[in-house]
Each structure stands twice: as structure tokens, then as C-alpha cells.
Protein backbone atom coordinates (compact mmCIF):
# COMPACT_ATOMS: atom_id res chain seq x y z
CA UNK A 1 -27.76 62.01 -28.00
CA UNK A 2 -31.37 61.82 -27.16
CA UNK A 3 -33.26 62.66 -30.28
CA UNK A 4 -32.39 61.47 -33.84
CA UNK A 5 -33.91 63.26 -36.91
CA UNK A 6 -33.93 62.07 -40.31
CA UNK A 7 -34.64 63.30 -43.82
CA UNK A 8 -37.04 60.75 -45.60
CA UNK A 9 -36.27 60.54 -49.42
CA UNK A 10 -32.87 59.21 -50.36
CA UNK A 11 -32.09 58.77 -46.47
CA UNK A 12 -34.79 56.74 -45.13
CA UNK A 13 -36.66 55.91 -48.27
CA UNK A 14 -36.63 55.53 -51.87
CA UNK A 15 -40.15 56.34 -52.83
CA UNK A 16 -42.09 54.29 -50.59
CA UNK A 17 -39.63 51.60 -50.05
CA UNK A 18 -38.15 51.35 -46.58
CA UNK A 19 -35.51 48.60 -46.08
CA UNK A 20 -35.86 45.91 -43.39
CA UNK A 21 -32.31 47.17 -41.87
CA UNK A 22 -33.82 50.92 -41.44
CA UNK A 23 -37.02 49.50 -39.67
CA UNK A 24 -35.05 47.23 -37.35
CA UNK A 25 -32.47 50.20 -36.61
CA UNK A 26 -35.54 52.87 -35.74
CA UNK A 27 -36.99 50.10 -33.44
CA UNK A 28 -33.77 49.67 -31.78
CA UNK A 29 -33.37 53.04 -31.04
CA UNK A 30 -36.80 53.68 -29.49
CA UNK A 31 -36.42 50.34 -27.47
CA UNK A 32 -33.14 51.97 -26.05
CA UNK A 33 -34.96 55.27 -25.10
CA UNK A 34 -33.79 57.22 -27.93
CA UNK A 35 -36.47 59.84 -29.71
CA UNK A 36 -36.97 59.59 -33.30
CA UNK A 37 -38.55 61.64 -35.88
CA UNK A 38 -38.53 62.70 -39.40
CA UNK A 39 -37.90 66.21 -41.43
CA UNK A 40 -38.97 66.21 -45.15
CA UNK A 41 -39.63 68.45 -47.84
CA UNK A 42 -42.91 66.57 -48.32
CA UNK A 43 -46.35 67.49 -47.49
CA UNK A 44 -48.02 66.07 -44.28
CA UNK A 45 -50.52 64.18 -46.49
CA UNK A 46 -47.61 62.79 -48.31
CA UNK A 47 -46.00 61.78 -45.29
CA UNK A 48 -48.38 60.21 -43.42
CA UNK A 49 -48.08 56.56 -44.70
CA UNK A 50 -44.45 56.84 -44.35
CA UNK A 51 -44.65 58.08 -40.63
CA UNK A 52 -47.04 55.13 -40.13
CA UNK A 53 -44.66 52.48 -41.25
CA UNK A 54 -41.50 54.06 -39.52
CA UNK A 55 -43.45 54.19 -36.54
CA UNK A 56 -43.09 57.70 -35.74
CA UNK A 57 -45.03 58.76 -32.64
CA UNK A 58 -43.52 62.37 -32.30
CA UNK A 59 -44.48 65.43 -34.38
CA UNK A 60 -42.77 65.57 -37.56
CA UNK A 61 -41.35 68.14 -39.91
CA UNK A 62 -43.02 68.78 -43.19
CA UNK A 63 -42.40 71.11 -46.14
CA UNK A 64 -38.73 71.47 -45.32
CA UNK A 65 -39.43 73.11 -42.08
CA UNK A 66 -42.56 75.09 -43.07
CA UNK A 67 -44.66 72.84 -40.88
CA UNK A 68 -44.56 70.83 -37.52
CA UNK A 69 -47.39 68.15 -37.80
CA UNK A 70 -48.77 66.15 -34.96
CA UNK A 71 -50.62 62.63 -36.59
CA UNK A 72 -51.94 61.97 -32.99
CA UNK A 73 -53.88 65.11 -32.70
CA UNK A 74 -54.14 65.68 -36.65
CA UNK A 75 -53.20 68.99 -36.37
CA UNK A 76 -50.64 71.68 -37.13
CA UNK A 77 -48.29 72.64 -34.18
CA UNK A 78 -46.53 75.57 -36.16
CA UNK A 79 -46.58 76.81 -39.76
CA UNK A 80 -45.03 79.51 -42.04
CA UNK A 81 -47.01 80.28 -44.97
CA UNK A 82 -46.46 82.41 -48.10
CA UNK A 83 -47.67 85.85 -48.80
CA UNK A 84 -50.69 85.38 -51.17
CA UNK A 85 -49.13 88.03 -53.45
CA UNK A 86 -45.92 86.44 -53.43
CA UNK A 87 -47.33 82.86 -54.28
CA UNK A 88 -49.30 84.37 -57.25
CA UNK A 89 -45.89 85.72 -58.74
CA UNK A 90 -44.41 82.50 -58.33
CA UNK A 91 -47.28 80.71 -60.04
CA UNK A 92 -47.27 83.17 -62.93
CA UNK A 93 -43.48 82.89 -63.59
CA UNK A 94 -43.93 79.11 -63.72
CA UNK A 95 -46.89 79.52 -65.99
CA UNK A 96 -44.33 81.79 -68.30
CA UNK A 97 -41.77 79.01 -68.26
CA UNK A 98 -44.15 76.03 -68.76
CA UNK A 99 -43.02 74.59 -65.59
CA UNK A 100 -45.24 72.31 -63.73
CA UNK A 101 -45.58 72.84 -60.18
CA UNK A 102 -47.63 71.63 -56.80
CA UNK A 103 -49.06 73.85 -54.15
CA UNK A 104 -48.67 72.77 -50.65
CA UNK A 105 -51.68 74.27 -48.94
CA UNK A 106 -52.12 73.76 -45.02
CA UNK A 107 -55.09 71.36 -45.94
CA UNK A 108 -53.76 69.36 -48.99
CA UNK A 109 -51.62 69.37 -52.24
CA UNK A 110 -53.28 70.94 -55.27
CA UNK A 111 -51.94 70.48 -58.85
CA UNK A 112 -52.91 69.93 -62.42
CA UNK A 113 -53.04 66.25 -63.68
CA UNK A 114 -49.49 66.65 -65.33
CA UNK A 115 -47.88 67.94 -62.16
CA UNK A 116 -49.40 65.23 -60.04
CA UNK A 117 -48.01 62.57 -62.61
CA UNK A 118 -44.75 63.89 -62.23
CA UNK A 119 -44.29 63.75 -58.67
CA UNK A 120 -45.96 60.52 -58.10
CA UNK A 121 -43.50 59.02 -60.59
CA UNK A 122 -40.56 60.46 -58.03
CA UNK A 123 -41.91 59.59 -54.61
CA UNK A 124 -44.82 57.37 -54.94
CA UNK A 125 -48.77 58.01 -54.94
CA UNK A 126 -50.27 60.26 -52.31
CA UNK A 127 -53.64 62.02 -52.28
CA UNK A 128 -53.36 65.03 -54.75
CA UNK A 129 -56.39 67.64 -55.14
CA UNK A 130 -56.11 67.88 -59.12
CA UNK A 131 -57.92 70.93 -60.82
CA UNK A 132 -57.27 72.69 -64.15
CA UNK A 133 -54.33 75.26 -64.43
CA UNK A 134 -56.97 78.09 -64.50
CA UNK A 135 -58.50 76.88 -61.35
CA UNK A 136 -55.04 76.83 -59.27
CA UNK A 137 -55.15 80.45 -58.06
CA UNK A 138 -58.70 79.74 -56.26
CA UNK A 139 -56.93 77.82 -53.55
CA UNK A 140 -54.12 80.51 -52.45
CA UNK A 141 -56.25 81.83 -49.53
CA UNK A 142 -56.22 78.29 -47.82
CA UNK A 143 -52.63 79.13 -47.18
CA UNK A 144 -49.70 77.97 -49.07
CA UNK A 145 -46.36 76.91 -47.55
CA UNK A 146 -44.43 75.70 -50.34
CA UNK A 147 -44.56 75.66 -54.12
CA UNK A 148 -43.07 72.64 -55.70
CA UNK A 149 -41.78 73.25 -59.22
CA UNK A 150 -40.81 70.23 -61.08
CA UNK A 151 -39.17 69.76 -64.43
CA UNK A 152 -36.94 67.26 -66.02
CA UNK A 153 -34.80 70.40 -67.88
CA UNK A 154 -32.62 71.54 -65.03
CA UNK A 155 -32.06 74.81 -66.76
CA UNK A 156 -35.55 75.90 -66.59
CA UNK A 157 -35.66 75.60 -62.89
CA UNK A 158 -32.35 77.57 -62.67
CA UNK A 159 -33.73 80.28 -64.76
CA UNK A 160 -36.65 80.50 -62.34
CA UNK A 161 -34.34 80.40 -59.17
CA UNK A 162 -32.48 83.31 -60.98
CA UNK A 163 -35.33 85.39 -61.51
CA UNK A 164 -36.61 84.98 -58.05
CA UNK A 165 -33.15 85.71 -56.27
CA UNK A 166 -34.12 89.20 -55.36
CA UNK A 167 -37.42 88.18 -53.65
CA UNK A 168 -36.73 88.76 -50.19
CA UNK A 169 -39.70 87.06 -48.56
CA UNK A 170 -38.95 83.63 -49.95
CA UNK A 171 -36.11 80.48 -49.67
CA UNK A 172 -35.23 78.48 -52.33
CA UNK A 173 -33.74 74.96 -52.09
CA UNK A 174 -33.77 71.76 -54.14
CA UNK A 175 -34.72 68.88 -52.49
CA UNK A 176 -34.09 66.68 -55.60
CA UNK A 177 -32.18 67.72 -58.89
CA UNK A 178 -35.52 68.14 -60.75
CA UNK A 179 -37.14 69.67 -57.75
CA UNK A 180 -37.23 73.54 -56.67
CA UNK A 181 -38.82 74.08 -53.53
CA UNK A 182 -40.08 77.68 -52.76
CA UNK A 183 -41.08 78.71 -49.44
CA UNK A 184 -41.26 81.27 -46.79
CA UNK A 185 -38.05 83.38 -46.05
CA UNK A 186 -37.58 81.66 -42.47
CA UNK A 187 -38.59 78.41 -43.59
CA UNK A 188 -35.51 75.61 -43.26
CA UNK A 189 -35.34 72.46 -41.39
CA UNK A 190 -32.63 73.94 -39.11
CA UNK A 191 -34.70 76.81 -37.79
CA UNK A 192 -37.65 74.40 -37.18
CA UNK A 193 -35.62 71.64 -35.34
CA UNK A 194 -34.86 74.61 -32.55
CA UNK A 195 -38.68 74.86 -32.17
CA UNK A 196 -39.05 70.99 -32.20
CA UNK A 197 -36.15 70.44 -29.46
CA UNK A 198 -38.11 72.87 -27.08
CA UNK A 199 -41.25 70.84 -27.62
CA UNK A 200 -39.74 67.84 -26.69
CA UNK A 201 -37.51 69.30 -24.04
CA UNK A 202 -34.24 68.39 -25.83
CA UNK A 203 -30.96 70.36 -25.86
CA UNK A 204 -29.97 71.01 -29.61
CA UNK A 205 -26.62 69.59 -28.72
CA UNK A 206 -28.24 66.07 -28.16
CA UNK A 207 -29.68 65.86 -31.61
CA UNK A 208 -28.32 63.72 -34.51
CA UNK A 209 -29.54 64.64 -37.85
CA UNK A 210 -29.11 63.04 -41.20
CA UNK A 211 -29.84 63.78 -44.70
CA UNK A 212 -28.86 63.88 -48.43
CA UNK A 213 -29.85 66.96 -50.04
CA UNK A 214 -29.40 70.82 -50.07
CA UNK A 215 -32.65 71.28 -48.06
CA UNK A 216 -31.00 69.47 -45.31
CA UNK A 217 -27.85 71.62 -44.97
CA UNK A 218 -29.35 74.01 -42.18
CA UNK A 219 -30.40 70.99 -40.21
CA UNK A 220 -27.09 69.43 -40.60
CA UNK A 221 -25.55 72.39 -39.28
CA UNK A 222 -28.04 73.20 -36.59
CA UNK A 223 -27.75 69.64 -34.75
CA UNK A 224 -25.47 68.57 -32.43
CA UNK A 225 -24.21 66.01 -34.87
CA UNK A 226 -24.74 66.35 -38.52
CA UNK A 227 -24.65 63.54 -41.02
CA UNK A 228 -24.51 63.07 -44.84
CA UNK A 229 -25.65 60.20 -46.75
CA UNK A 230 -23.01 58.83 -49.50
CA UNK A 231 -25.35 59.59 -52.19
CA UNK A 232 -25.81 63.30 -50.88
CA UNK A 233 -25.28 66.54 -52.30
CA UNK A 234 -21.77 68.03 -52.42
CA UNK A 235 -22.51 70.89 -50.50
CA UNK A 236 -24.02 69.13 -47.46
CA UNK A 237 -21.00 66.59 -47.43
CA UNK A 238 -18.62 69.71 -46.91
CA UNK A 239 -20.99 70.87 -43.75
CA UNK A 240 -21.47 67.53 -42.13
CA UNK A 241 -19.70 65.89 -39.40
CA UNK A 242 -19.45 62.57 -40.79
CA UNK A 243 -20.60 60.96 -44.25
CA UNK A 244 -22.00 57.81 -44.12
CA UNK A 245 -22.64 54.99 -46.79
CA UNK A 246 -25.07 55.42 -49.45
CA UNK A 247 -28.93 54.72 -49.21
CA UNK A 248 -28.53 51.57 -51.06
CA UNK A 249 -25.92 50.44 -48.73
CA UNK A 250 -27.86 51.21 -45.47
CA UNK A 251 -26.16 54.22 -44.97
CA UNK A 252 -28.46 55.43 -42.20
CA UNK A 253 -28.32 52.16 -40.22
CA UNK A 254 -24.33 52.51 -40.40
CA UNK A 255 -24.32 56.10 -39.12
CA UNK A 256 -26.58 55.14 -36.13
CA UNK A 257 -24.49 52.17 -35.41
CA UNK A 258 -21.32 54.05 -35.66
CA UNK A 259 -22.38 57.08 -33.41
CA UNK A 260 -25.09 55.70 -31.23
CA UNK A 261 -24.92 52.11 -30.70
CA UNK A 262 -21.00 51.65 -30.49
CA UNK A 263 -21.06 54.35 -27.93
CA UNK A 264 -22.89 52.58 -25.56
């Protein structure tokens, strides 16, 4: 293995908390010459502080694969944005079902105050451009790569998912039980790591990927070795090469020890 790619929430962090074991493991990986980066459903604005904490110096994957972002150059290397007409249709559907959502644009996250408070309660604070509901559509033309619908009522999200199932230009996954991530049809972490390894001149067989949710499935299947967290989604565990311990019990570190350090 040469490159380790890890999901953030539920794998490396909980909100913004990172264990000492995780930090030490990443440091040891880099000291031994391994490449390390992250692949997350988060916007690059919400990822930056954690990328700094984890001392990630390679480009990162954001928005479930919609974006490859280079923090050193402060630029987007690759992007997949939604058709503006599709964005408007999704927004109208969320309005109809009274479901809060956030717009992930190529510049910043746009949302209502209610949606902002909901997302911050789940993953911690990050800069969010707050507007009134009737102003949201004014930001579509910036370039939207993800709509994140968020609601405590699972049935509402499933109804939106059902009504969008025939929309051929989108992909829909869940990064958390109360999140519905809607992006471009070609957007997933698996597709994007194929582009990333070309940038880094690494063979896909030499990639170890680890995650915990439905949005990690393609990444786990694409990597040379795919590992599911013990707290992970049941469908992810079915396709993983191995299942490690939970986040609370340092599953990431245990996986790296087993598949990297103990192989030396």
C-alpha cells in the first residue's frame, strides 16, 4: 500500500473531535513514507480546519467526490456541478416537503438559519452563508455541486429520494441517517479516487480506503483494499474486505496497525 484515504465523520472524527490515537497513527504513516488524505461529504470550507488538524498536505476529496481541492494552492482541481434546472427542481421538492437543506456551491455553503443550526449540531461549526429562504435560488448560478437535505424525520427524506429516483442526472446517498446527499450522477468517492491516484501517480491497487457510511461504498469497492468501520452502514460492511472496530474504540488505528504496520 502507498496511499491511505479515510472518510472523516464517523471514521476519523466525531464533530470536530479527533483522538490522540488517530493523530499519532497518521503521523506514523507519513513518517514511514505513506501518502495520506481524506474523502468526505463535507464542503471544502467545513473540511479545512480538520485537514489542518490532521496535517493533510495532499489534495482532498470533498462533496462525496464532486470536488478535489488543493488547500496549498487554495483551488479546485476537479469538480462536478449540478445542472441549474435540476438544482431548482430539488429545492422546490424540499420546500414542498418542508425539509431543510444546504446548497454546496463552488465558493461557499448557502443555507437558511434553520438549516445552518441543524448541520452545526451534527458536525460542528463552520462558515455558512445564511440567507432567507426566498433568496436561496439567487445562488444557483455560482455552481452547486451538492444539495444536503437534513431532517430528523427519516420518512421525509425517503419520500424525497423516492420522488427523485427517476431523475437520471443525479446521484443520491446518505452520509448520515438524517442526511440526504444529492449530487451529480457521476459523483461518488470511488470515481474521484481514480482521478486522484492519477494526480499522485499511484496505482489503485496500492490504495487502502476506510469509511463508515453509504457514501463510502464505491470508494471501498474501488480501492485495492476497502475497510468498513465497526459502526458502519450494513451495506458498506457487505462489500468491505475487512471490518475494523468502531470509531469510539479507535477502529481507524486498529485497521492501519493490522493492514499496514504489522505487514512491515
